[in-house]
Amino acid sequence: MLDKKIIDKIEQKENEGRNLTTTDCQWLAGKIGIGETTLKRLLGFTSDCGRTPHLSTLNIIAEFLGYKDYRVLALDLELDEVVISDFDERDTIETDTLNIGNLVEITYLPNRLFSLKYVGDSRFIIESVENSRNLLAGDIVKITHMEKGFPLYMSEVVRDGKNLGAYEAAKNGGLTSIEVLS
């Protein structure tokens, strides 16, 4: 659930200071740009209002209220929960943590599937590939970092001994999965 100070700001902006009701949530959700169910949860109208909202959702609300992001809103309202720094657990692989021979499988939209065998020095051989026009099995690619939800940057692609240059995959939506198979 949102802090009462944030709810008050939303009510002042959109409801002339009157308390929001569940019937207000449909039009307000469309105006803010978040789902109606999410808004009901954030305003305390549902039983699962104890869930912590995603930072991206809080940023959308902050922008709606005229702030740069949630952190600025929280600082302005002097909220107790303001977190300036925190650890963030992500689905990510730093290639320098892999062992030679590790097999990594990655997927991204639309229907792309790659099996990459780590050969050392941040380089992989593409073992198998599905639904790609540009990358082929046997290509050697240099990747230092893979993170779910973000594009995959290959600083070089080598095919038949020829460096084809850098390549960025998964530009729309990022990687959908990353898994070290062995």
N, C-alpha and C. Protein backbone atom coordinates (compact mmCIF):
# COMPACT_ATOMS: atom_id res chain seq x y z
N MET A 1 0.85 -1.18 0.00
CA MET A 1 0.00 0.00 0.00
C MET A 1 0.89 1.24 0.00
N LEU A 2 0.45 2.26 -0.71
CA LEU A 2 1.19 3.51 -0.75
C LEU A 2 1.12 4.22 0.59
N ASP A 3 2.13 4.99 0.86
CA ASP A 3 2.15 5.84 2.05
C ASP A 3 0.97 6.82 1.96
N LYS A 4 0.37 7.13 3.09
CA LYS A 4 -0.80 8.03 3.16
C LYS A 4 -0.49 9.39 2.53
N LYS A 5 0.74 9.87 2.65
CA LYS A 5 1.10 11.17 2.07
C LYS A 5 1.00 11.13 0.54
N ILE A 6 1.34 10.01 -0.06
CA ILE A 6 1.25 9.88 -1.52
C ILE A 6 -0.21 9.80 -1.94
N ILE A 7 -0.99 9.01 -1.20
CA ILE A 7 -2.42 8.91 -1.49
C ILE A 7 -3.07 10.29 -1.39
N ASP A 8 -2.70 11.05 -0.35
CA ASP A 8 -3.24 12.40 -0.20
C ASP A 8 -2.90 13.27 -1.41
N LYS A 9 -1.68 13.17 -1.92
CA LYS A 9 -1.28 13.96 -3.09
C LYS A 9 -2.10 13.58 -4.33
N ILE A 10 -2.33 12.27 -4.50
CA ILE A 10 -3.15 11.81 -5.63
C ILE A 10 -4.58 12.35 -5.49
N GLU A 11 -5.13 12.28 -4.28
CA GLU A 11 -6.50 12.78 -4.04
C GLU A 11 -6.58 14.28 -4.28
N GLN A 12 -5.57 15.02 -3.87
CA GLN A 12 -5.57 16.46 -4.09
C GLN A 12 -5.51 16.79 -5.57
N LYS A 13 -4.71 16.03 -6.30
CA LYS A 13 -4.53 16.31 -7.73
C LYS A 13 -5.76 15.93 -8.55
N GLU A 14 -6.35 14.78 -8.26
CA GLU A 14 -7.38 14.23 -9.14
C GLU A 14 -8.78 14.17 -8.56
N ASN A 15 -8.92 14.35 -7.29
CA ASN A 15 -10.24 14.17 -6.69
C ASN A 15 -10.61 15.34 -5.79
N GLU A 16 -9.99 16.50 -6.04
CA GLU A 16 -10.28 17.72 -5.29
C GLU A 16 -10.21 17.50 -3.78
N GLY A 17 -9.29 16.64 -3.37
CA GLY A 17 -9.08 16.39 -1.95
C GLY A 17 -10.01 15.37 -1.33
N ARG A 18 -11.03 14.91 -2.09
CA ARG A 18 -11.94 13.89 -1.55
C ARG A 18 -11.26 12.53 -1.56
N ASN A 19 -11.67 11.67 -0.64
CA ASN A 19 -11.13 10.31 -0.60
C ASN A 19 -11.48 9.56 -1.88
N LEU A 20 -10.51 8.84 -2.40
CA LEU A 20 -10.75 8.00 -3.57
C LEU A 20 -11.54 6.76 -3.16
N THR A 21 -12.35 6.27 -4.07
CA THR A 21 -13.11 5.04 -3.83
C THR A 21 -12.70 4.01 -4.87
N THR A 22 -13.16 2.79 -4.70
CA THR A 22 -12.84 1.74 -5.69
C THR A 22 -13.39 2.09 -7.06
N THR A 23 -14.49 2.78 -7.12
CA THR A 23 -15.06 3.15 -8.42
C THR A 23 -14.20 4.20 -9.14
N ASP A 24 -13.41 4.96 -8.40
CA ASP A 24 -12.51 5.94 -9.02
C ASP A 24 -11.30 5.26 -9.67
N CYS A 25 -11.02 4.03 -9.29
CA CYS A 25 -9.77 3.38 -9.70
C CYS A 25 -9.68 3.13 -11.20
N GLN A 26 -10.78 2.84 -11.85
CA GLN A 26 -10.70 2.53 -13.28
C GLN A 26 -10.23 3.73 -14.10
N TRP A 27 -10.89 4.88 -13.93
CA TRP A 27 -10.48 6.04 -14.71
C TRP A 27 -9.13 6.56 -14.27
N LEU A 28 -8.84 6.48 -12.96
CA LEU A 28 -7.56 6.98 -12.45
C LEU A 28 -6.39 6.11 -12.91
N ALA A 29 -6.61 4.79 -12.95
CA ALA A 29 -5.56 3.88 -13.42
C ALA A 29 -5.18 4.21 -14.86
N GLY A 30 -6.18 4.47 -15.68
CA GLY A 30 -5.92 4.85 -17.07
C GLY A 30 -5.17 6.17 -17.18
N LYS A 31 -5.49 7.07 -16.31
CA LYS A 31 -4.85 8.39 -16.32
C LYS A 31 -3.39 8.31 -15.85
N ILE A 32 -3.15 7.49 -14.83
CA ILE A 32 -1.79 7.34 -14.30
C ILE A 32 -0.95 6.47 -15.23
N GLY A 33 -1.56 5.43 -15.78
CA GLY A 33 -0.83 4.53 -16.66
C GLY A 33 -0.41 3.23 -16.01
N ILE A 34 -1.17 2.81 -14.98
CA ILE A 34 -0.92 1.51 -14.36
C ILE A 34 -2.24 0.73 -14.33
N GLY A 35 -2.19 -0.55 -14.02
CA GLY A 35 -3.38 -1.38 -14.01
C GLY A 35 -4.34 -1.02 -12.88
N GLU A 36 -5.62 -1.23 -13.14
CA GLU A 36 -6.64 -0.93 -12.13
C GLU A 36 -6.45 -1.77 -10.87
N THR A 37 -6.16 -3.05 -11.05
CA THR A 37 -5.95 -3.93 -9.89
C THR A 37 -4.75 -3.48 -9.08
N THR A 38 -3.68 -3.10 -9.77
CA THR A 38 -2.49 -2.59 -9.08
C THR A 38 -2.83 -1.34 -8.28
N LEU A 39 -3.57 -0.42 -8.90
CA LEU A 39 -3.94 0.81 -8.21
C LEU A 39 -4.80 0.51 -6.98
N LYS A 40 -5.75 -0.41 -7.11
CA LYS A 40 -6.59 -0.77 -5.96
C LYS A 40 -5.73 -1.33 -4.82
N ARG A 41 -4.75 -2.15 -5.18
CA ARG A 41 -3.86 -2.71 -4.16
C ARG A 41 -3.05 -1.59 -3.49
N LEU A 42 -2.52 -0.67 -4.30
CA LEU A 42 -1.70 0.42 -3.77
C LEU A 42 -2.49 1.38 -2.89
N LEU A 43 -3.79 1.52 -3.18
CA LEU A 43 -4.63 2.41 -2.38
C LEU A 43 -5.25 1.70 -1.18
N GLY A 44 -5.02 0.39 -1.05
CA GLY A 44 -5.50 -0.35 0.12
C GLY A 44 -6.88 -0.93 -0.02
N PHE A 45 -7.40 -1.06 -1.25
CA PHE A 45 -8.74 -1.58 -1.45
C PHE A 45 -8.79 -3.10 -1.60
N THR A 46 -7.64 -3.78 -1.61
CA THR A 46 -7.62 -5.24 -1.76
C THR A 46 -6.92 -5.87 -0.56
N SER A 47 -7.11 -7.17 -0.43
CA SER A 47 -6.55 -7.88 0.72
C SER A 47 -5.04 -8.08 0.62
N ASP A 48 -4.48 -7.99 -0.59
CA ASP A 48 -3.04 -8.20 -0.74
C ASP A 48 -2.27 -6.88 -0.82
N CYS A 49 -2.75 -5.87 -0.10
CA CYS A 49 -2.14 -4.55 -0.17
C CYS A 49 -0.80 -4.49 0.55
N GLY A 50 -0.37 -5.56 1.19
CA GLY A 50 0.91 -5.59 1.88
C GLY A 50 2.09 -5.86 0.97
N ARG A 51 1.80 -6.24 -0.28
CA ARG A 51 2.88 -6.50 -1.23
C ARG A 51 3.65 -5.23 -1.53
N THR A 52 4.95 -5.36 -1.67
CA THR A 52 5.78 -4.21 -2.00
C THR A 52 5.68 -3.93 -3.50
N PRO A 53 5.32 -2.71 -3.88
CA PRO A 53 5.21 -2.39 -5.30
C PRO A 53 6.58 -2.33 -5.96
N HIS A 54 6.62 -2.59 -7.25
CA HIS A 54 7.85 -2.49 -8.03
C HIS A 54 8.26 -1.03 -8.10
N LEU A 55 9.56 -0.79 -8.15
CA LEU A 55 10.06 0.58 -8.27
C LEU A 55 9.54 1.24 -9.54
N SER A 56 9.41 0.48 -10.62
CA SER A 56 8.92 1.06 -11.87
C SER A 56 7.50 1.60 -11.69
N THR A 57 6.67 0.90 -10.93
CA THR A 57 5.30 1.37 -10.66
C THR A 57 5.34 2.64 -9.82
N LEU A 58 6.21 2.66 -8.81
CA LEU A 58 6.32 3.85 -7.97
C LEU A 58 6.84 5.04 -8.77
N ASN A 59 7.73 4.78 -9.72
CA ASN A 59 8.24 5.86 -10.57
C ASN A 59 7.13 6.44 -11.45
N ILE A 60 6.25 5.56 -11.96
CA ILE A 60 5.13 6.03 -12.78
C ILE A 60 4.21 6.94 -11.96
N ILE A 61 3.94 6.55 -10.73
CA ILE A 61 3.09 7.37 -9.86
C ILE A 61 3.77 8.70 -9.56
N ALA A 62 5.06 8.66 -9.28
CA ALA A 62 5.81 9.89 -9.00
C ALA A 62 5.77 10.84 -10.20
N GLU A 63 5.99 10.30 -11.38
CA GLU A 63 5.94 11.13 -12.60
C GLU A 63 4.55 11.72 -12.80
N PHE A 64 3.52 10.93 -12.53
CA PHE A 64 2.15 11.43 -12.63
C PHE A 64 1.93 12.62 -11.70
N LEU A 65 2.57 12.58 -10.54
CA LEU A 65 2.43 13.66 -9.56
C LEU A 65 3.39 14.81 -9.83
N GLY A 66 4.18 14.70 -10.91
CA GLY A 66 5.05 15.81 -11.29
C GLY A 66 6.48 15.71 -10.79
N TYR A 67 6.89 14.56 -10.31
CA TYR A 67 8.25 14.36 -9.82
C TYR A 67 9.09 13.60 -10.84
N LYS A 68 10.39 13.76 -10.75
CA LYS A 68 11.31 13.08 -11.66
C LYS A 68 11.20 11.57 -11.50
N ASP A 69 11.17 11.09 -10.26
CA ASP A 69 11.05 9.67 -9.97
C ASP A 69 10.60 9.49 -8.52
N TYR A 70 10.45 8.23 -8.11
CA TYR A 70 9.94 7.94 -6.78
C TYR A 70 10.89 8.44 -5.68
N ARG A 71 12.17 8.32 -5.91
CA ARG A 71 13.13 8.75 -4.89
C ARG A 71 12.94 10.23 -4.57
N VAL A 72 12.77 11.04 -5.60
CA VAL A 72 12.58 12.49 -5.40
C VAL A 72 11.26 12.74 -4.67
N LEU A 73 10.21 12.03 -5.06
CA LEU A 73 8.92 12.16 -4.38
C LEU A 73 9.05 11.79 -2.90
N ALA A 74 9.67 10.66 -2.62
CA ALA A 74 9.82 10.19 -1.24
C ALA A 74 10.65 11.16 -0.40
N LEU A 75 11.69 11.72 -1.00
CA LEU A 75 12.49 12.72 -0.27
C LEU A 75 11.67 13.97 0.01
N ASP A 76 10.90 14.43 -0.99
CA ASP A 76 10.09 15.63 -0.83
C ASP A 76 9.04 15.44 0.26
N LEU A 77 8.44 14.27 0.33
CA LEU A 77 7.40 14.01 1.34
C LEU A 77 7.97 13.53 2.67
N GLU A 78 9.30 13.41 2.71
CA GLU A 78 10.00 12.95 3.92
C GLU A 78 9.46 11.61 4.41
N LEU A 79 9.35 10.67 3.47
CA LEU A 79 8.87 9.34 3.83
C LEU A 79 9.96 8.57 4.56
N ASP A 80 9.56 7.79 5.54
CA ASP A 80 10.51 7.02 6.34
C ASP A 80 11.20 5.93 5.52
N GLU A 81 10.50 5.42 4.51
CA GLU A 81 10.99 4.25 3.77
C GLU A 81 11.99 4.59 2.68
N VAL A 82 12.40 5.84 2.57
CA VAL A 82 13.30 6.22 1.48
C VAL A 82 14.57 5.40 1.57
N VAL A 83 14.87 4.72 0.48
CA VAL A 83 16.09 3.92 0.39
C VAL A 83 16.95 4.57 -0.69
N ILE A 84 18.07 5.10 -0.26
CA ILE A 84 18.97 5.77 -1.20
C ILE A 84 19.79 4.73 -1.96
N SER A 85 20.21 3.69 -1.28
CA SER A 85 21.00 2.63 -1.91
C SER A 85 20.51 1.29 -1.37
N ASP A 86 20.60 0.28 -2.19
CA ASP A 86 20.18 -1.05 -1.75
C ASP A 86 20.77 -2.07 -2.70
N PHE A 87 20.84 -3.31 -2.23
CA PHE A 87 21.28 -4.40 -3.07
C PHE A 87 20.11 -4.86 -3.93
N ASP A 88 20.41 -5.30 -5.13
CA ASP A 88 19.39 -5.71 -6.08
C ASP A 88 19.79 -7.06 -6.64
N GLU A 89 18.94 -8.06 -6.43
CA GLU A 89 19.24 -9.38 -6.96
C GLU A 89 18.71 -9.47 -8.38
N ARG A 90 19.60 -9.80 -9.31
CA ARG A 90 19.23 -9.85 -10.71
C ARG A 90 19.62 -11.18 -11.31
N ASP A 91 18.93 -11.54 -12.38
CA ASP A 91 19.25 -12.74 -13.14
C ASP A 91 20.31 -12.35 -14.15
N THR A 92 21.57 -12.54 -13.76
CA THR A 92 22.68 -12.05 -14.56
C THR A 92 23.86 -13.02 -14.52
N ILE A 93 24.67 -12.97 -15.55
CA ILE A 93 25.90 -13.77 -15.60
C ILE A 93 27.04 -12.86 -16.02
N GLU A 94 28.09 -12.84 -15.23
CA GLU A 94 29.35 -12.20 -15.62
C GLU A 94 30.19 -13.34 -16.17
N THR A 95 30.64 -13.21 -17.40
CA THR A 95 31.30 -14.35 -18.05
C THR A 95 32.62 -14.74 -17.39
N ASP A 96 33.24 -13.82 -16.66
CA ASP A 96 34.49 -14.20 -15.99
C ASP A 96 34.27 -15.15 -14.82
N THR A 97 33.00 -15.42 -14.47
CA THR A 97 32.71 -16.38 -13.41
C THR A 97 32.47 -17.79 -13.97
N LEU A 98 32.44 -17.93 -15.28
CA LEU A 98 32.19 -19.23 -15.92
C LEU A 98 33.46 -20.04 -16.03
N ASN A 99 33.29 -21.34 -16.17
CA ASN A 99 34.40 -22.26 -16.42
C ASN A 99 34.40 -22.64 -17.89
N ILE A 100 35.58 -22.86 -18.43
CA ILE A 100 35.68 -23.30 -19.82
C ILE A 100 34.87 -24.58 -19.98
N GLY A 101 34.06 -24.61 -21.01
CA GLY A 101 33.20 -25.76 -21.27
C GLY A 101 31.77 -25.60 -20.79
N ASN A 102 31.53 -24.58 -19.92
CA ASN A 102 30.14 -24.35 -19.48
C ASN A 102 29.26 -24.06 -20.68
N LEU A 103 28.06 -24.62 -20.64
CA LEU A 103 27.07 -24.39 -21.70
C LEU A 103 26.00 -23.45 -21.14
N VAL A 104 25.77 -22.35 -21.85
CA VAL A 104 24.79 -21.36 -21.43
C VAL A 104 23.69 -21.30 -22.48
N GLU A 105 22.45 -21.32 -22.02
CA GLU A 105 21.31 -21.22 -22.93
C GLU A 105 20.63 -19.88 -22.69
N ILE A 106 20.38 -19.14 -23.77
CA ILE A 106 19.67 -17.87 -23.67
C ILE A 106 18.51 -17.86 -24.65
N THR A 107 17.46 -17.12 -24.27
CA THR A 107 16.31 -16.96 -25.16
C THR A 107 15.92 -15.49 -25.18
N TYR A 108 15.30 -15.11 -26.29
CA TYR A 108 14.70 -13.79 -26.40
C TYR A 108 13.68 -13.82 -27.53
N LEU A 109 12.85 -12.79 -27.55
CA LEU A 109 11.76 -12.73 -28.52
C LEU A 109 12.27 -12.27 -29.88
N PRO A 110 11.67 -12.70 -30.97
CA PRO A 110 10.61 -13.71 -31.05
C PRO A 110 11.19 -15.11 -31.27
N ASN A 111 11.04 -15.98 -30.35
CA ASN A 111 11.42 -17.39 -30.46
C ASN A 111 12.89 -17.63 -30.75
N ARG A 112 13.78 -16.83 -30.21
CA ARG A 112 15.21 -17.04 -30.40
C ARG A 112 15.73 -17.91 -29.27
N LEU A 113 16.55 -18.90 -29.63
CA LEU A 113 17.15 -19.81 -28.66
C LEU A 113 18.59 -20.05 -29.07
N PHE A 114 19.52 -19.81 -28.15
CA PHE A 114 20.94 -20.01 -28.40
C PHE A 114 21.53 -20.89 -27.32
N SER A 115 22.39 -21.81 -27.72
CA SER A 115 23.24 -22.55 -26.79
C SER A 115 24.66 -22.10 -27.05
N LEU A 116 25.30 -21.59 -26.03
CA LEU A 116 26.63 -21.03 -26.14
C LEU A 116 27.60 -21.82 -25.27
N LYS A 117 28.73 -22.23 -25.83
CA LYS A 117 29.75 -22.95 -25.07
C LYS A 117 30.88 -21.99 -24.76
N TYR A 118 31.19 -21.85 -23.45
CA TYR A 118 32.22 -20.92 -23.03
C TYR A 118 33.61 -21.50 -23.34
N VAL A 119 34.44 -20.70 -24.02
CA VAL A 119 35.79 -21.16 -24.39
C VAL A 119 36.88 -20.34 -23.71
N GLY A 120 36.50 -19.41 -22.85
CA GLY A 120 37.47 -18.59 -22.11
C GLY A 120 37.59 -17.19 -22.69
N ASP A 121 38.18 -16.30 -21.90
CA ASP A 121 38.43 -14.92 -22.32
C ASP A 121 37.15 -14.23 -22.81
N SER A 122 36.04 -14.45 -22.12
CA SER A 122 34.73 -13.87 -22.44
C SER A 122 34.22 -14.27 -23.82
N ARG A 123 34.70 -15.40 -24.35
CA ARG A 123 34.29 -15.84 -25.68
C ARG A 123 33.48 -17.14 -25.60
N PHE A 124 32.52 -17.22 -26.53
CA PHE A 124 31.64 -18.38 -26.63
C PHE A 124 31.60 -18.83 -28.08
N ILE A 125 31.44 -20.14 -28.26
CA ILE A 125 31.10 -20.68 -29.57
C ILE A 125 29.60 -20.93 -29.55
N ILE A 126 28.91 -20.46 -30.58
CA ILE A 126 27.48 -20.74 -30.66
C ILE A 126 27.34 -22.20 -31.08
N GLU A 127 26.88 -23.03 -30.15
CA GLU A 127 26.71 -24.46 -30.41
C GLU A 127 25.48 -24.73 -31.27
N SER A 128 24.39 -24.06 -30.91
CA SER A 128 23.16 -24.20 -31.69
C SER A 128 22.37 -22.91 -31.60
N VAL A 129 21.57 -22.66 -32.65
CA VAL A 129 20.80 -21.44 -32.71
C VAL A 129 19.48 -21.75 -33.42
N GLU A 130 18.40 -21.17 -32.90
CA GLU A 130 17.09 -21.32 -33.54
C GLU A 130 16.52 -19.95 -33.86
N ASN A 131 16.05 -19.80 -35.08
CA ASN A 131 15.32 -18.62 -35.54
C ASN A 131 16.14 -17.34 -35.58
N SER A 132 17.41 -17.45 -35.94
CA SER A 132 18.23 -16.26 -36.11
C SER A 132 18.73 -16.19 -37.54
N ARG A 133 18.64 -15.01 -38.14
CA ARG A 133 19.15 -14.81 -39.50
C ARG A 133 20.59 -14.35 -39.50
N ASN A 134 21.04 -13.72 -38.43
CA ASN A 134 22.35 -13.09 -38.42
C ASN A 134 23.45 -13.89 -37.74
N LEU A 135 23.12 -14.62 -36.71
CA LEU A 135 24.11 -15.41 -36.00
C LEU A 135 23.94 -16.88 -36.35
N LEU A 136 25.07 -17.57 -36.49
CA LEU A 136 25.04 -18.96 -36.93
C LEU A 136 25.79 -19.86 -35.96
N ALA A 137 25.42 -21.12 -35.94
CA ALA A 137 26.18 -22.11 -35.19
C ALA A 137 27.61 -22.08 -35.71
N GLY A 138 28.57 -22.11 -34.80
CA GLY A 138 29.98 -22.03 -35.17
C GLY A 138 30.57 -20.65 -35.02
N ASP A 139 29.73 -19.60 -34.98
CA ASP A 139 30.24 -18.25 -34.75
C ASP A 139 30.87 -18.18 -33.36
N ILE A 140 31.92 -17.40 -33.24
CA ILE A 140 32.54 -17.14 -31.94
C ILE A 140 32.18 -15.71 -31.56
N VAL A 141 31.60 -15.57 -30.38
CA VAL A 141 31.13 -14.26 -29.93
C VAL A 141 31.79 -13.90 -28.61
N LYS A 142 32.05 -12.60 -28.43
CA LYS A 142 32.63 -12.12 -27.17
C LYS A 142 31.54 -11.41 -26.39
N ILE A 143 31.26 -11.93 -25.19
CA ILE A 143 30.21 -11.40 -24.32
C ILE A 143 30.79 -11.31 -22.91
N THR A 144 30.70 -10.16 -22.29
CA THR A 144 31.22 -10.03 -20.92
C THR A 144 30.13 -10.10 -19.87
N HIS A 145 28.89 -9.85 -20.28
CA HIS A 145 27.80 -9.74 -19.31
C HIS A 145 26.48 -10.11 -19.98
N MET A 146 25.66 -10.89 -19.29
CA MET A 146 24.32 -11.23 -19.76
C MET A 146 23.35 -10.95 -18.62
N GLU A 147 22.25 -10.25 -18.93
CA GLU A 147 21.28 -9.94 -17.90
C GLU A 147 19.86 -10.05 -18.45
N LYS A 148 19.05 -10.83 -17.75
CA LYS A 148 17.66 -11.01 -18.15
C LYS A 148 16.95 -9.66 -18.16
N GLY A 149 16.18 -9.43 -19.24
CA GLY A 149 15.43 -8.19 -19.36
C GLY A 149 16.18 -7.09 -20.08
N PHE A 150 17.45 -7.33 -20.43
CA PHE A 150 18.26 -6.33 -21.11
C PHE A 150 18.81 -6.90 -22.41
N PRO A 151 19.13 -6.02 -23.37
CA PRO A 151 19.74 -6.51 -24.61
C PRO A 151 21.06 -7.22 -24.34
N LEU A 152 21.46 -8.05 -25.29
CA LEU A 152 22.72 -8.80 -25.19
C LEU A 152 23.71 -8.15 -26.15
N TYR A 153 24.79 -7.64 -25.60
CA TYR A 153 25.81 -6.99 -26.41
C TYR A 153 26.99 -7.93 -26.62
N MET A 154 27.32 -8.14 -27.88
CA MET A 154 28.49 -8.94 -28.26
C MET A 154 29.49 -7.98 -28.86
N SER A 155 30.63 -7.80 -28.21
CA SER A 155 31.60 -6.81 -28.69
C SER A 155 32.30 -7.25 -29.96
N GLU A 156 32.23 -8.54 -30.27
CA GLU A 156 32.71 -9.03 -31.56
C GLU A 156 32.05 -10.35 -31.91
N VAL A 157 31.89 -10.55 -33.20
CA VAL A 157 31.39 -11.80 -33.75
C VAL A 157 32.39 -12.24 -34.81
N VAL A 158 32.93 -13.45 -34.64
CA VAL A 158 33.92 -13.97 -35.59
C VAL A 158 33.31 -15.18 -36.30
N ARG A 159 33.32 -15.12 -37.64
CA ARG A 159 32.80 -16.23 -38.45
C ARG A 159 33.88 -16.60 -39.47
N ASP A 160 34.26 -17.87 -39.46
CA ASP A 160 35.29 -18.36 -40.40
C ASP A 160 36.55 -17.52 -40.34
N GLY A 161 36.96 -17.13 -39.14
CA GLY A 161 38.19 -16.37 -38.95
C GLY A 161 38.07 -14.88 -39.22
N LYS A 162 36.91 -14.41 -39.66
CA LYS A 162 36.73 -13.00 -39.99
C LYS A 162 35.88 -12.31 -38.92
N ASN A 163 36.39 -11.19 -38.38
CA ASN A 163 35.66 -10.43 -37.38
C ASN A 163 34.58 -9.61 -38.08
N LEU A 164 33.32 -9.91 -37.77
CA LEU A 164 32.19 -9.21 -38.39
C LEU A 164 31.82 -7.93 -37.65
N GLY A 165 32.43 -7.70 -36.49
CA GLY A 165 32.14 -6.50 -35.70
C GLY A 165 31.25 -6.80 -34.51
N ALA A 166 30.78 -5.75 -33.90
CA ALA A 166 29.91 -5.86 -32.72
C ALA A 166 28.48 -6.16 -33.15
N TYR A 167 27.72 -6.76 -32.22
CA TYR A 167 26.34 -7.13 -32.52
C TYR A 167 25.52 -6.98 -31.25
N GLU A 168 24.32 -6.42 -31.38
CA GLU A 168 23.41 -6.30 -30.26
C GLU A 168 22.16 -7.11 -30.55
N ALA A 169 21.87 -8.05 -29.68
CA ALA A 169 20.69 -8.91 -29.82
C ALA A 169 19.67 -8.55 -28.75
N ALA A 170 18.44 -8.97 -28.96
CA ALA A 170 17.36 -8.79 -27.97
C ALA A 170 17.12 -7.31 -27.66
N LYS A 171 17.16 -6.47 -28.69
CA LYS A 171 16.96 -5.03 -28.49
C LYS A 171 15.56 -4.71 -27.98
N ASN A 172 14.58 -5.49 -28.37
CA ASN A 172 13.19 -5.24 -27.97
C ASN A 172 12.79 -6.19 -26.86
N GLY A 173 12.92 -5.75 -25.63
CA GLY A 173 12.48 -6.56 -24.50
C GLY A 173 13.58 -7.27 -23.76
N GLY A 174 14.76 -7.34 -24.35
CA GLY A 174 15.88 -7.98 -23.66
C GLY A 174 15.79 -9.49 -23.63
N LEU A 175 16.75 -10.11 -22.97
CA LEU A 175 16.78 -11.56 -22.84
C LEU A 175 15.60 -12.02 -21.98
N THR A 176 14.95 -13.10 -22.40
CA THR A 176 13.83 -13.62 -21.63
C THR A 176 14.26 -14.72 -20.67
N SER A 177 15.40 -15.35 -20.94
CA SER A 177 15.94 -16.33 -19.99
C SER A 177 17.43 -16.50 -20.21
N ILE A 178 18.11 -16.85 -19.13
CA ILE A 178 19.54 -17.15 -19.13
C ILE A 178 19.72 -18.33 -18.20
N GLU A 179 20.39 -19.36 -18.66
CA GLU A 179 20.59 -20.53 -17.81
C GLU A 179 21.93 -21.18 -18.11
N VAL A 180 22.70 -21.45 -17.06
CA VAL A 180 23.92 -22.22 -17.22
C VAL A 180 23.53 -23.68 -17.09
N LEU A 181 23.67 -24.44 -18.19
CA LEU A 181 23.23 -25.84 -18.21
C LEU A 181 24.28 -26.78 -17.64
N SER A 182 25.55 -26.49 -17.88
CA SER A 182 26.62 -27.35 -17.35
C SER A 182 27.89 -26.56 -17.18
